[in-house]
C-alpha cells in the first residue's frame, strides 16, 4: 500500500482522507498535517490516525510517508510541494497548482529533479461523463471543435482568504480552475488569448476591505487552433453546485452535466415541474475523486505519466492569471506575453 500524509484537513482534504482510508485498498492514510489544532484533532479521531503534524516540513520528512496530498490554501502550494519533492515524496496537488506561472515552474523543476510523481487534482478528467466526451471528441466523429463553453458555480460563500485576489487569484482560480483545464483538455488546444469581465454582485461585506474582489466572472477564450471558448463562474450561486460543459463541433454537439440532481422530478397539477439541484461538488464528483487517487497510485507504482500533469496545472494557472489581468486592464490578454512576474501585456 502507498502510505499517504494529508496536508490540509479542510473540505477537499477530508474528501481525500475518506477515500484513502476507506475506499481505496491500495492506499493507507498514516499521517495528517494542519496548523489548526482543532481541525487536526477532529480529522485524526475520525480517521484513526496518530501521526499528527502542525509543520508540513516535519510531515514530509516522516520516513513512514511515501506520498502526500496537498489541500491547503494555494499560497502554500509551492513551498510544500517543493519541499515534499526534495524529500522524495510523490505529490497529489489540489488545484489551483500555485499562484503564478513562476511558482508552477518551481514545482515542476523540483519534481523533475527528484524524479517523483506529481498529479494535479483536476477530478473532471476522471469523471465518467467527461471521459466519454473526451473519447468521442478524439474519435473525430463530430469533426473539429468550434466553440466550447464551461460553467462553474459554487453554492456557498467563498472563504475569507479568497477575498484578497493577490493572495488567491480569486474565484477564477478557486472555483474555475477546473473549467480552464477542462476546456483546454477537451478542445485539445492551448488557450492563447483571454478577455474577462468580473463584478462583485453578492458579497457586499467584502467590498470595503477588498475592492478588487469579484464573485461573478465571464471569460472569452481563443485557442491556438482558432476555436473559441467561454467560461462563466459564480460563487455563491445559492441554488446549488453547477458544473456543465457544451462543445459545439462541425457535425454536432456534446452536452456534459446538468444542474438537476440524479433522482426524480415532480409534475404538479398546475404544470409546475419541481426537482432538486446538485448540492455539492463532493456528491457530483464522488466517484471521480476515487478514480483520481487510484490513477495517481497506479502512476506511482508503474512510473507512468499522470493524466493531469504539472504542465496542465501550469497552463490553467497561466490562463487564470491572464484573465485576472484582463479584468484589471479591461483589455484582452495574450498568454505568451506573460512573464515570470505575471505582468501580462494587453492587446486590442
C-alpha atoms as a PDB file:
ATOM      1  CA  UNK A   1       0.000   0.000   0.000  1.00  0.00           C
ATOM      2  CA  UNK A   2       1.080   3.559  -0.726  1.00  0.00           C
ATOM      3  CA  UNK A   3       1.363   5.432   2.572  1.00  0.00           C
ATOM      4  CA  UNK A   4      -0.132   8.951   2.495  1.00  0.00           C
ATOM      5  CA  UNK A   5       0.030  12.114   4.556  1.00  0.00           C
ATOM      6  CA  UNK A   6      -2.774  14.606   4.042  1.00  0.00           C
ATOM      7  CA  UNK A   7      -1.679  18.238   4.406  1.00  0.00           C
ATOM      8  CA  UNK A   8      -4.729  20.417   4.936  1.00  0.00           C
ATOM      9  CA  UNK A   9      -7.828  18.992   6.661  1.00  0.00           C
ATOM     10  CA  UNK A  10     -10.451  21.296   5.156  1.00  0.00           C
ATOM     11  CA  UNK A  11     -13.369  20.207   2.968  1.00  0.00           C
ATOM     12  CA  UNK A  12     -11.354  18.994  -0.018  1.00  0.00           C
ATOM     13  CA  UNK A  13      -8.729  17.420   2.204  1.00  0.00           C
ATOM     14  CA  UNK A  14     -11.304  15.382   4.101  1.00  0.00           C
ATOM     15  CA  UNK A  15     -12.724  14.030   0.845  1.00  0.00           C
ATOM     16  CA  UNK A  16      -9.276  12.661   0.043  1.00  0.00           C
ATOM     17  CA  UNK A  17      -8.823  11.392   3.602  1.00  0.00           C
ATOM     18  CA  UNK A  18     -12.047   9.403   3.409  1.00  0.00           C
ATOM     19  CA  UNK A  19     -11.149   7.903   0.048  1.00  0.00           C
ATOM     20  CA  UNK A  20      -7.623   6.944   1.119  1.00  0.00           C
ATOM     21  CA  UNK A  21      -8.645   5.439   4.431  1.00  0.00           C
ATOM     22  CA  UNK A  22     -11.922   3.771   3.441  1.00  0.00           C
ATOM     23  CA  UNK A  23     -12.387   3.371  -0.290  1.00  0.00           C
ATOM     24  CA  UNK A  24      -9.016   2.550  -1.828  1.00  0.00           C
ATOM     25  CA  UNK A  25      -7.442  -0.763  -0.868  1.00  0.00           C
ATOM     26  CA  UNK A  26      -4.006   0.139  -2.215  1.00  0.00           C
ATOM     27  CA  UNK A  27      -3.681   3.265  -0.034  1.00  0.00           C
ATOM     28  CA  UNK A  28      -3.143   3.913   3.654  1.00  0.00           C
ATOM     29  CA  UNK A  29      -3.581   7.205   5.499  1.00  0.00           C
ATOM     30  CA  UNK A  30      -0.704   7.248   8.000  1.00  0.00           C
ATOM     31  CA  UNK A  31      -0.324  10.953   8.841  1.00  0.00           C
ATOM     32  CA  UNK A  32      -2.195  14.257   8.937  1.00  0.00           C
ATOM     33  CA  UNK A  33      -0.922  17.829   8.959  1.00  0.00           C
ATOM     34  CA  UNK A  34      -2.731  21.093   9.679  1.00  0.00           C
ATOM     35  CA  UNK A  35      -1.914  24.321  11.510  1.00  0.00           C
ATOM     36  CA  UNK A  36      -5.427  24.289  13.015  1.00  0.00           C
ATOM     37  CA  UNK A  37      -5.153  22.090  16.114  1.00  0.00           C
ATOM     38  CA  UNK A  38      -8.891  21.541  16.465  1.00  0.00           C
ATOM     39  CA  UNK A  39      -9.385  20.605  12.815  1.00  0.00           C
ATOM     40  CA  UNK A  40      -6.396  18.282  13.021  1.00  0.00           C
ATOM     41  CA  UNK A  41      -7.729  16.576  16.151  1.00  0.00           C
ATOM     42  CA  UNK A  42     -11.180  16.079  14.614  1.00  0.00           C
ATOM     43  CA  UNK A  43      -9.732  14.564  11.454  1.00  0.00           C
ATOM     44  CA  UNK A  44      -7.381  12.337  13.449  1.00  0.00           C
ATOM     45  CA  UNK A  45     -10.196  10.987  15.609  1.00  0.00           C
ATOM     46  CA  UNK A  46     -12.477  10.393  12.629  1.00  0.00           C
ATOM     47  CA  UNK A  47      -9.867   8.598  10.537  1.00  0.00           C
ATOM     48  CA  UNK A  48      -7.977   6.971  13.438  1.00  0.00           C
ATOM     49  CA  UNK A  49      -4.603   8.492  12.516  1.00  0.00           C
ATOM     50  CA  UNK A  50      -1.994   9.073  15.225  1.00  0.00           C
ATOM     51  CA  UNK A  51       0.919  10.626  13.305  1.00  0.00           C
ATOM     52  CA  UNK A  52      -0.036  14.304  13.524  1.00  0.00           C
ATOM     53  CA  UNK A  53       1.877  17.399  12.456  1.00  0.00           C
ATOM     54  CA  UNK A  54       1.409  21.151  12.592  1.00  0.00           C
ATOM     55  CA  UNK A  55       4.519  21.804  10.464  1.00  0.00           C
ATOM     56  CA  UNK A  56       4.475  20.488   6.909  1.00  0.00           C
ATOM     57  CA  UNK A  57       8.296  20.259   6.882  1.00  0.00           C
ATOM     58  CA  UNK A  58       8.157  17.678   9.653  1.00  0.00           C
ATOM     59  CA  UNK A  59       5.346  15.841   7.874  1.00  0.00           C
ATOM     60  CA  UNK A  60       7.188  15.450   4.573  1.00  0.00           C
ATOM     61  CA  UNK A  61      10.325  14.257   6.375  1.00  0.00           C
ATOM     62  CA  UNK A  62       8.453  11.427   8.091  1.00  0.00           C
ATOM     63  CA  UNK A  63      10.031   8.207   6.733  1.00  0.00           C
ATOM     64  CA  UNK A  64       6.676   6.421   7.032  1.00  0.00           C
ATOM     65  CA  UNK A  65       5.163   8.788   4.466  1.00  0.00           C
ATOM     66  CA  UNK A  66       5.622   7.912   0.791  1.00  0.00           C
ATOM     67  CA  UNK A  67       3.118  10.326  -0.796  1.00  0.00           C
ATOM     68  CA  UNK A  68       1.302  13.494   0.173  1.00  0.00           C
ATOM     69  CA  UNK A  69      -1.982  15.110  -0.740  1.00  0.00           C
ATOM     70  CA  UNK A  70      -1.782  18.914  -0.587  1.00  0.00           C
ATOM     71  CA  UNK A  71      -5.159  20.520   0.126  1.00  0.00           C
ATOM     72  CA  UNK A  72      -4.107  23.816   1.704  1.00  0.00           C
ATOM     73  CA  UNK A  73      -4.822  27.370   0.530  1.00  0.00           C
ATOM     74  CA  UNK A  74      -2.981  27.970  -2.740  1.00  0.00           C
ATOM     75  CA  UNK A  75      -0.470  30.413  -1.274  1.00  0.00           C
ATOM     76  CA  UNK A  76       1.269  27.478   0.426  1.00  0.00           C
ATOM     77  CA  UNK A  77       1.334  25.076  -2.528  1.00  0.00           C
ATOM     78  CA  UNK A  78       4.729  25.973  -3.925  1.00  0.00           C
ATOM     79  CA  UNK A  79       6.701  25.702  -0.691  1.00  0.00           C
ATOM     80  CA  UNK A  80       5.001  22.470   0.400  1.00  0.00           C
ATOM     81  CA  UNK A  81       5.288  20.755  -2.997  1.00  0.00           C
ATOM     82  CA  UNK A  82       8.932  21.746  -3.495  1.00  0.00           C
ATOM     83  CA  UNK A  83       9.917  20.547  -0.021  1.00  0.00           C
ATOM     84  CA  UNK A  84       7.992  17.305  -0.462  1.00  0.00           C
ATOM     85  CA  UNK A  85       9.710  16.642  -3.779  1.00  0.00           C
ATOM     86  CA  UNK A  86      13.108  17.300  -2.197  1.00  0.00           C
ATOM     87  CA  UNK A  87      12.230  14.662   0.416  1.00  0.00           C
ATOM     88  CA  UNK A  88      11.339  12.146  -2.295  1.00  0.00           C
ATOM     89  CA  UNK A  89       7.579  12.178  -1.718  1.00  0.00           C
ATOM     90  CA  UNK A  90       5.072  11.707  -4.515  1.00  0.00           C
ATOM     91  CA  UNK A  91       2.543  14.552  -4.706  1.00  0.00           C
ATOM     92  CA  UNK A  92      -1.164  14.835  -5.437  1.00  0.00           C
ATOM     93  CA  UNK A  93      -1.607  18.608  -5.512  1.00  0.00           C
ATOM     94  CA  UNK A  94      -5.072  20.097  -5.351  1.00  0.00           C
ATOM     95  CA  UNK A  95      -5.974  22.815  -7.806  1.00  0.00           C
ATOM     96  CA  UNK A  96      -5.083  25.567  -8.419  1.00  0.00           C
ATOM     97  CA  UNK A  97      -1.497  24.402  -8.755  1.00  0.00           C
ATOM     98  CA  UNK A  98       0.020  27.665  -7.464  1.00  0.00           C
ATOM     99  CA  UNK A  99      -0.417  31.435  -7.516  1.00  0.00           C
ATOM    100  CA  UNK A 100       1.774  32.202 -10.521  1.00  0.00           C
ATOM    101  CA  UNK A 101       3.384  30.652 -13.558  1.00  0.00           C
ATOM    102  CA  UNK A 102       6.769  31.098 -11.887  1.00  0.00           C
ATOM    103  CA  UNK A 103       5.631  29.108  -8.834  1.00  0.00           C
ATOM    104  CA  UNK A 104       4.324  26.345 -11.107  1.00  0.00           C
ATOM    105  CA  UNK A 105       7.685  26.235 -12.858  1.00  0.00           C
ATOM    106  CA  UNK A 106       9.450  25.940  -9.498  1.00  0.00           C
ATOM    107  CA  UNK A 107       7.267  22.972  -8.551  1.00  0.00           C
ATOM    108  CA  UNK A 108       7.775  21.245 -11.896  1.00  0.00           C
ATOM    109  CA  UNK A 109      11.535  21.741 -11.702  1.00  0.00           C
ATOM    110  CA  UNK A 110      11.659  20.356  -8.147  1.00  0.00           C
ATOM    111  CA  UNK A 111       9.624  17.310  -9.178  1.00  0.00           C
ATOM    112  CA  UNK A 112      11.827  16.681 -12.214  1.00  0.00           C
ATOM    113  CA  UNK A 113      14.998  16.888 -10.099  1.00  0.00           C
ATOM    114  CA  UNK A 114      13.636  14.475  -7.519  1.00  0.00           C
ATOM    115  CA  UNK A 115      12.122  12.040 -10.005  1.00  0.00           C
ATOM    116  CA  UNK A 116       8.824  11.846  -8.108  1.00  0.00           C
ATOM    117  CA  UNK A 117       5.261  11.719  -9.433  1.00  0.00           C
ATOM    118  CA  UNK A 118       3.181  14.906  -9.480  1.00  0.00           C
ATOM    119  CA  UNK A 119      -0.526  14.862 -10.298  1.00  0.00           C
ATOM    120  CA  UNK A 120      -2.831  17.908 -10.229  1.00  0.00           C
ATOM    121  CA  UNK A 121      -6.305  17.485  -8.727  1.00  0.00           C
ATOM    122  CA  UNK A 122      -8.389  18.047 -11.846  1.00  0.00           C
ATOM    123  CA  UNK A 123     -11.067  15.493 -11.000  1.00  0.00           C
ATOM    124  CA  UNK A 124     -13.178  16.233 -14.097  1.00  0.00           C
ATOM    125  CA  UNK A 125     -10.568  14.295 -16.086  1.00  0.00           C
ATOM    126  CA  UNK A 126     -11.629  11.211 -14.103  1.00  0.00           C
ATOM    127  CA  UNK A 127     -15.404  11.632 -14.295  1.00  0.00           C
ATOM    128  CA  UNK A 128     -17.174   9.073 -16.487  1.00  0.00           C
ATOM    129  CA  UNK A 129     -19.207  11.631 -18.464  1.00  0.00           C
ATOM    130  CA  UNK A 130     -16.217  13.854 -19.170  1.00  0.00           C
ATOM    131  CA  UNK A 131     -14.101  10.854 -20.170  1.00  0.00           C
ATOM    132  CA  UNK A 132     -16.815   9.688 -22.572  1.00  0.00           C
ATOM    133  CA  UNK A 133     -16.963  13.160 -24.119  1.00  0.00           C
ATOM    134  CA  UNK A 134     -13.169  13.231 -24.471  1.00  0.00           C
ATOM    135  CA  UNK A 135     -13.214   9.857 -26.227  1.00  0.00           C
ATOM    136  CA  UNK A 136     -15.990  10.949 -28.592  1.00  0.00           C
ATOM    137  CA  UNK A 137     -14.151  14.149 -29.484  1.00  0.00           C
ATOM    138  CA  UNK A 138     -10.958  12.176 -30.052  1.00  0.00           C
ATOM    139  CA  UNK A 139     -12.712   9.794 -32.432  1.00  0.00           C
ATOM    140  CA  UNK A 140     -13.268  12.601 -34.949  1.00  0.00           C
ATOM    141  CA  UNK A 141     -16.899  11.565 -35.425  1.00  0.00           C
ATOM    142  CA  UNK A 142     -18.149  15.092 -34.762  1.00  0.00           C
ATOM    143  CA  UNK A 143     -15.393  16.900 -36.616  1.00  0.00           C
ATOM    144  CA  UNK A 144     -13.337  19.700 -35.144  1.00  0.00           C
ATOM    145  CA  UNK A 145     -14.299  21.658 -32.033  1.00  0.00           C
ATOM    146  CA  UNK A 146     -15.583  25.126 -32.904  1.00  0.00           C
ATOM    147  CA  UNK A 147     -16.924  26.562 -29.633  1.00  0.00           C
ATOM    148  CA  UNK A 148     -16.626  25.216 -26.088  1.00  0.00           C
ATOM    149  CA  UNK A 149     -18.421  26.667 -23.065  1.00  0.00           C
ATOM    150  CA  UNK A 150     -17.930  25.741 -19.422  1.00  0.00           C
ATOM    151  CA  UNK A 151     -19.926  26.809 -16.377  1.00  0.00           C
ATOM    152  CA  UNK A 152     -18.586  26.516 -12.838  1.00  0.00           C
ATOM    153  CA  UNK A 153     -20.667  27.852  -9.942  1.00  0.00           C
ATOM    154  CA  UNK A 154     -20.278  27.167  -6.244  1.00  0.00           C
ATOM    155  CA  UNK A 155     -23.220  27.187  -3.819  1.00  0.00           C
ATOM    156  CA  UNK A 156     -21.681  28.706  -0.685  1.00  0.00           C
ATOM    157  CA  UNK A 157     -19.850  31.833   0.352  1.00  0.00           C
ATOM    158  CA  UNK A 158     -16.148  31.746  -0.601  1.00  0.00           C
ATOM    159  CA  UNK A 159     -13.781  31.502   2.393  1.00  0.00           C
ATOM    160  CA  UNK A 160     -12.461  34.887   3.576  1.00  0.00           C
ATOM    161  CA  UNK A 161      -8.879  34.231   2.427  1.00  0.00           C
ATOM    162  CA  UNK A 162     -10.117  34.263  -1.177  1.00  0.00           C
ATOM    163  CA  UNK A 163     -11.246  37.906  -0.895  1.00  0.00           C
ATOM    164  CA  UNK A 164      -7.685  39.151  -1.389  1.00  0.00           C
ATOM    165  CA  UNK A 165      -7.218  38.391  -5.085  1.00  0.00           C
ATOM    166  CA  UNK A 166      -3.449  38.982  -4.806  1.00  0.00           C
ATOM    167  CA  UNK A 167      -3.240  36.002  -2.427  1.00  0.00           C
ATOM    168  CA  UNK A 168      -5.780  33.721  -4.076  1.00  0.00           C
ATOM    169  CA  UNK A 169      -6.292  34.768  -7.736  1.00  0.00           C
ATOM    170  CA  UNK A 170      -9.992  34.974  -6.865  1.00  0.00           C
ATOM    171  CA  UNK A 171     -12.833  32.652  -7.789  1.00  0.00           C
ATOM    172  CA  UNK A 172     -11.460  32.226 -11.310  1.00  0.00           C
ATOM    173  CA  UNK A 173      -8.716  30.195  -9.621  1.00  0.00           C
ATOM    174  CA  UNK A 174     -10.556  28.632  -6.699  1.00  0.00           C
ATOM    175  CA  UNK A 175     -13.803  27.765  -8.495  1.00  0.00           C
ATOM    176  CA  UNK A 176     -12.978  27.896 -12.197  1.00  0.00           C
ATOM    177  CA  UNK A 177      -9.529  26.275 -12.417  1.00  0.00           C
ATOM    178  CA  UNK A 178     -11.429  23.129 -13.354  1.00  0.00           C
ATOM    179  CA  UNK A 179     -13.108  24.981 -16.221  1.00  0.00           C
ATOM    180  CA  UNK A 180      -9.855  26.383 -17.603  1.00  0.00           C
ATOM    181  CA  UNK A 181      -8.287  22.929 -17.527  1.00  0.00           C
ATOM    182  CA  UNK A 182     -11.384  21.204 -18.861  1.00  0.00           C
ATOM    183  CA  UNK A 183     -11.836  23.367 -21.955  1.00  0.00           C
ATOM    184  CA  UNK A 184      -8.150  23.061 -22.859  1.00  0.00           C
ATOM    185  CA  UNK A 185      -8.271  19.278 -22.353  1.00  0.00           C
ATOM    186  CA  UNK A 186     -11.478  18.719 -24.332  1.00  0.00           C
ATOM    187  CA  UNK A 187     -10.544  21.129 -27.132  1.00  0.00           C
ATOM    188  CA  UNK A 188      -7.065  19.573 -27.264  1.00  0.00           C
ATOM    189  CA  UNK A 189      -5.674  23.038 -27.890  1.00  0.00           C
ATOM    190  CA  UNK A 190      -3.887  25.656 -25.772  1.00  0.00           C
ATOM    191  CA  UNK A 191      -5.540  28.913 -24.733  1.00  0.00           C
ATOM    192  CA  UNK A 192      -3.692  31.800 -26.385  1.00  0.00           C
ATOM    193  CA  UNK A 193      -5.858  34.847 -25.628  1.00  0.00           C
ATOM    194  CA  UNK A 194      -8.431  35.770 -22.993  1.00  0.00           C
ATOM    195  CA  UNK A 195     -10.782  38.632 -22.279  1.00  0.00           C
ATOM    196  CA  UNK A 196     -12.572  38.756 -18.933  1.00  0.00           C
ATOM    197  CA  UNK A 197     -15.178  40.843 -17.141  1.00  0.00           C
ATOM    198  CA  UNK A 198     -15.903  40.455 -13.430  1.00  0.00           C
ATOM    199  CA  UNK A 199     -18.005  42.072 -10.705  1.00  0.00           C
ATOM    200  CA  UNK A 200     -18.892  41.748  -7.040  1.00  0.00           C
ATOM    201  CA  UNK A 201     -22.670  41.433  -7.120  1.00  0.00           C
ATOM    202  CA  UNK A 202     -23.426  39.430  -3.969  1.00  0.00           C
ATOM    203  CA  UNK A 203     -20.630  39.734  -1.389  1.00  0.00           C
ATOM    204  CA  UNK A 204     -21.226  43.266  -0.099  1.00  0.00           C
ATOM    205  CA  UNK A 205     -19.381  42.514   3.133  1.00  0.00           C
ATOM    206  CA  UNK A 206     -16.112  42.055   1.207  1.00  0.00           C
ATOM    207  CA  UNK A 207     -16.305  45.242  -0.841  1.00  0.00           C
ATOM    208  CA  UNK A 208     -14.848  47.765   1.621  1.00  0.00           C
ATOM    209  CA  UNK A 209     -11.673  45.870   2.528  1.00  0.00           C
ATOM    210  CA  UNK A 210     -11.257  44.129  -0.825  1.00  0.00           C
ATOM    211  CA  UNK A 211     -12.487  46.376  -3.661  1.00  0.00           C
ATOM    212  CA  UNK A 212     -10.885  44.123  -6.296  1.00  0.00           C
ATOM    213  CA  UNK A 213     -12.772  41.017  -5.164  1.00  0.00           C
ATOM    214  CA  UNK A 214     -15.376  39.645  -7.574  1.00  0.00           C
ATOM    215  CA  UNK A 215     -17.967  36.897  -7.175  1.00  0.00           C
ATOM    216  CA  UNK A 216     -19.102  36.729 -10.824  1.00  0.00           C
ATOM    217  CA  UNK A 217     -16.898  36.459 -13.896  1.00  0.00           C
ATOM    218  CA  UNK A 218     -17.210  35.766 -17.616  1.00  0.00           C
ATOM    219  CA  UNK A 219     -14.156  34.908 -19.737  1.00  0.00           C
ATOM    220  CA  UNK A 220     -13.938  34.555 -23.515  1.00  0.00           C
ATOM    221  CA  UNK A 221     -11.140  32.464 -24.994  1.00  0.00           C
ATOM    222  CA  UNK A 222      -9.289  31.893 -28.228  1.00  0.00           C
ATOM    223  CA  UNK A 223      -7.365  28.653 -28.683  1.00  0.00           C
ATOM    224  CA  UNK A 224      -4.232  28.026 -30.710  1.00  0.00           C
ATOM    225  CA  UNK A 225      -6.259  26.245 -33.416  1.00  0.00           C
ATOM    226  CA  UNK A 226      -8.602  29.288 -33.662  1.00  0.00           C
ATOM    227  CA  UNK A 227     -11.503  27.577 -31.905  1.00  0.00           C
ATOM    228  CA  UNK A 228     -13.361  29.737 -29.378  1.00  0.00           C
ATOM    229  CA  UNK A 229     -14.445  29.298 -25.794  1.00  0.00           C
ATOM    230  CA  UNK A 230     -16.238  30.827 -22.851  1.00  0.00           C
ATOM    231  CA  UNK A 231     -16.128  30.278 -19.086  1.00  0.00           C
ATOM    232  CA  UNK A 232     -18.540  31.714 -16.549  1.00  0.00           C
ATOM    233  CA  UNK A 233     -18.106  31.471 -12.801  1.00  0.00           C
ATOM    234  CA  UNK A 234     -20.149  32.479  -9.771  1.00  0.00           C
ATOM    235  CA  UNK A 235     -19.646  31.978  -6.052  1.00  0.00           C
ATOM    236  CA  UNK A 236     -22.015  31.926  -4.253  1.00  0.00           C
ATOM    237  CA  UNK A 237     -24.679  30.657  -6.649  1.00  0.00           C
ATOM    238  CA  UNK A 238     -27.035  29.748  -3.742  1.00  0.00           C
ATOM    239  CA  UNK A 239     -29.186  27.293  -5.703  1.00  0.00           C
ATOM    240  CA  UNK A 240     -26.585  24.527  -5.717  1.00  0.00           C
ATOM    241  CA  UNK A 241     -23.413  23.295  -7.379  1.00  0.00           C
ATOM    242  CA  UNK A 242     -23.382  23.764 -11.135  1.00  0.00           C
ATOM    243  CA  UNK A 243     -20.774  22.250 -13.473  1.00  0.00           C
ATOM    244  CA  UNK A 244     -21.767  21.983 -17.131  1.00  0.00           C
ATOM    245  CA  UNK A 245     -19.909  21.967 -20.441  1.00  0.00           C
ATOM    246  CA  UNK A 246     -21.164  22.396 -24.005  1.00  0.00           C
ATOM    247  CA  UNK A 247     -18.970  21.561 -27.002  1.00  0.00           C
ATOM    248  CA  UNK A 248     -20.108  22.649 -30.461  1.00  0.00           C
ATOM    249  CA  UNK A 249     -18.402  20.747 -33.270  1.00  0.00           C
ATOM    250  CA  UNK A 250     -18.646  20.791 -37.059  1.00  0.00           C
ATOM    251  CA  UNK A 251     -21.040  17.833 -37.177  1.00  0.00           C
ATOM    252  CA  UNK A 252     -22.852  18.014 -33.850  1.00  0.00           C
ATOM    253  CA  UNK A 253     -22.620  18.981 -30.209  1.00  0.00           C
ATOM    254  CA  UNK A 254     -21.876  17.422 -26.828  1.00  0.00           C
ATOM    255  CA  UNK A 255     -23.583  18.463 -23.587  1.00  0.00           C
ATOM    256  CA  UNK A 256     -21.967  17.368 -20.317  1.00  0.00           C
ATOM    257  CA  UNK A 257     -23.595  17.705 -16.932  1.00  0.00           C
ATOM    258  CA  UNK A 258     -26.862  19.055 -15.603  1.00  0.00           C
ATOM    259  CA  UNK A 259     -27.938  21.364 -12.817  1.00  0.00           C
ATOM    260  CA  UNK A 260     -30.501  18.701 -11.865  1.00  0.00           C
ATOM    261  CA  UNK A 261     -29.513  16.122  -9.275  1.00  0.00           C
ATOM    262  CA  UNK A 262     -29.790  12.449 -10.164  1.00  0.00           C
ATOM    263  CA  UNK A 263     -33.245  11.476  -8.985  1.00  0.00           C
ATOM    264  CA  UNK A 264     -36.879  12.297  -9.643  1.00  0.00           C
ATOM    265  CA  UNK A 265     -38.826  15.271 -10.932  1.00  0.00           C
ATOM    266  CA  UNK A 266     -42.323  16.078  -9.718  1.00  0.00           C
ATOM    267  CA  UNK A 267     -45.001  17.490 -12.053  1.00  0.00           C
ATOM    268  CA  UNK A 268     -47.743  19.460 -10.259  1.00  0.00           C
ATOM    269  CA  UNK A 269     -51.370  19.797 -11.366  1.00  0.00           C
ATOM    270  CA  UNK A 270     -50.785  23.437 -12.297  1.00  0.00           C
ATOM    271  CA  UNK A 271     -47.999  22.444 -14.684  1.00  0.00           C
ATOM    272  CA  UNK A 272     -45.073  23.266 -12.427  1.00  0.00           C
ATOM    273  CA  UNK A 273     -42.150  20.843 -12.508  1.00  0.00           C
ATOM    274  CA  UNK A 274     -40.009  20.596  -9.402  1.00  0.00           C
ATOM    275  CA  UNK A 275     -36.772  18.773  -8.822  1.00  0.00           C
ATOM    276  CA  UNK A 276     -33.585  19.192  -6.794  1.00  0.00           C
ATOM    277  CA  UNK A 277     -30.322  20.861  -7.779  1.00  0.00           C
ATOM    278  CA  UNK A 278     -26.968  19.192  -7.139  1.00  0.00           C
ATOM    279  CA  UNK A 279     -25.898  20.227  -3.660  1.00  0.00           C
ATOM    280  CA  UNK A 280     -22.110  19.894  -3.774  1.00  0.00           C
ATOM    281  CA  UNK A 281     -19.049  19.044  -5.849  1.00  0.00           C
ATOM    282  CA  UNK A 282     -18.433  16.338  -3.263  1.00  0.00           C
ATOM    283  CA  UNK A 283     -21.537  14.439  -4.349  1.00  0.00           C
ATOM    284  CA  UNK A 284     -21.377  15.179  -8.090  1.00  0.00           C
ATOM    285  CA  UNK A 285     -17.752  14.068  -8.445  1.00  0.00           C
ATOM    286  CA  UNK A 286     -17.706  11.486  -5.639  1.00  0.00           C
ATOM    287  CA  UNK A 287     -16.530   8.641  -7.871  1.00  0.00           C
ATOM    288  CA  UNK A 288     -14.186  10.878  -9.860  1.00  0.00           C
ATOM    289  CA  UNK A 289     -12.240  11.685  -6.697  1.00  0.00           C
ATOM    290  CA  UNK A 290     -11.755   7.978  -6.039  1.00  0.00           C
ATOM    291  CA  UNK A 291     -10.691   7.340  -9.644  1.00  0.00           C
ATOM    292  CA  UNK A 292      -8.280  10.265  -9.444  1.00  0.00           C
ATOM    293  CA  UNK A 293      -6.473   8.766  -6.444  1.00  0.00           C
ATOM    294  CA  UNK A 294      -6.449   5.279  -7.928  1.00  0.00           C
ATOM    295  CA  UNK A 295      -4.858   6.677 -11.083  1.00  0.00           C
ATOM    296  CA  UNK A 296      -2.243   8.537  -9.021  1.00  0.00           C
ATOM    297  CA  UNK A 297      -1.290   5.361  -7.147  1.00  0.00           C
ATOM    298  CA  UNK A 298      -1.063   3.436 -10.415  1.00  0.00           C
ATOM    299  CA  UNK A 299       1.221   6.103 -11.888  1.00  0.00           C
ATOM    300  CA  UNK A 300       3.492   5.933  -8.821  1.00  0.00           C
ATOM    301  CA  UNK A 301       3.664   2.146  -8.938  1.00  0.00           C
ATOM    302  CA  UNK A 302       4.183   1.891 -12.694  1.00  0.00           C
ATOM    303  CA  UNK A 303       6.224   5.087 -13.049  1.00  0.00           C
ATOM    304  CA  UNK A 304       3.918   6.419 -15.741  1.00  0.00           C
ATOM    305  CA  UNK A 305       2.815   9.981 -16.543  1.00  0.00           C
ATOM    306  CA  UNK A 306      -0.427  11.101 -14.830  1.00  0.00           C
ATOM    307  CA  UNK A 307      -3.449  12.221 -16.796  1.00  0.00           C
ATOM    308  CA  UNK A 308      -3.224  15.665 -15.143  1.00  0.00           C
ATOM    309  CA  UNK A 309       0.405  16.779 -15.130  1.00  0.00           C
ATOM    310  CA  UNK A 310       2.316  19.730 -13.759  1.00  0.00           C
ATOM    311  CA  UNK A 311       2.235  21.267 -17.239  1.00  0.00           C
ATOM    312  CA  UNK A 312      -1.570  21.010 -17.220  1.00  0.00           C
ATOM    313  CA  UNK A 313      -1.613  22.731 -13.836  1.00  0.00           C
ATOM    314  CA  UNK A 314       0.688  25.477 -15.118  1.00  0.00           C
ATOM    315  CA  UNK A 315      -1.456  26.080 -18.209  1.00  0.00           C
ATOM    316  CA  UNK A 316      -4.573  26.545 -16.073  1.00  0.00           C
ATOM    317  CA  UNK A 317      -2.777  28.992 -13.763  1.00  0.00           C
ATOM    318  CA  UNK A 318      -1.425  30.862 -16.773  1.00  0.00           C
ATOM    319  CA  UNK A 319      -4.956  31.329 -18.119  1.00  0.00           C
ATOM    320  CA  UNK A 320      -6.328  32.391 -14.712  1.00  0.00           C
ATOM    321  CA  UNK A 321      -3.560  34.973 -14.266  1.00  0.00           C
ATOM    322  CA  UNK A 322      -4.228  36.316 -17.753  1.00  0.00           C
ATOM    323  CA  UNK A 323      -7.962  36.526 -17.045  1.00  0.00           C
ATOM    324  CA  UNK A 324      -7.335  38.484 -13.834  1.00  0.00           C
ATOM    325  CA  UNK A 325      -5.011  40.810 -15.742  1.00  0.00           C
ATOM    326  CA  UNK A 326      -7.763  41.328 -18.300  1.00  0.00           C
ATOM    327  CA  UNK A 327     -10.260  42.157 -15.552  1.00  0.00           C
ATOM    328  CA  UNK A 328      -7.834  44.743 -14.170  1.00  0.00           C
ATOM    329  CA  UNK A 329      -6.934  46.318 -17.516  1.00  0.00           C
ATOM    330  CA  UNK A 330     -10.223  45.999 -19.365  1.00  0.00           C
ATOM    331  CA  UNK A 331      -8.303  44.603 -22.354  1.00  0.00           C
ATOM    332  CA  UNK A 332      -7.735  41.177 -23.908  1.00  0.00           C
ATOM    333  CA  UNK A 333      -4.515  39.482 -22.834  1.00  0.00           C
ATOM    334  CA  UNK A 334      -2.233  37.300 -24.947  1.00  0.00           C
ATOM    335  CA  UNK A 335      -0.922  34.437 -22.835  1.00  0.00           C
ATOM    336  CA  UNK A 336       2.550  34.133 -24.334  1.00  0.00           C
ATOM    337  CA  UNK A 337       3.184  37.711 -23.179  1.00  0.00           C
ATOM    338  CA  UNK A 338       3.021  36.681 -19.503  1.00  0.00           C
ATOM    339  CA  UNK A 339       6.460  36.803 -17.914  1.00  0.00           C
ATOM    340  CA  UNK A 340       7.685  35.164 -14.721  1.00  0.00           C
ATOM    341  CA  UNK A 341       6.416  38.065 -12.609  1.00  0.00           C
ATOM    342  CA  UNK A 342       2.951  37.770 -14.189  1.00  0.00           C
ATOM    343  CA  UNK A 343       2.958  41.170 -15.825  1.00  0.00           C
ATOM    344  CA  UNK A 344       0.919  40.432 -18.966  1.00  0.00           C
ATOM    345  CA  UNK A 345       0.808  42.806 -21.875  1.00  0.00           C
ATOM    346  CA  UNK A 346      -2.535  43.596 -23.424  1.00  0.00           C
ATOM    347  CA  UNK A 347      -3.698  43.680 -26.993  1.00  0.00           C
ATOM    348  CA  UNK A 348      -6.747  45.220 -28.600  1.00  0.00           C
END
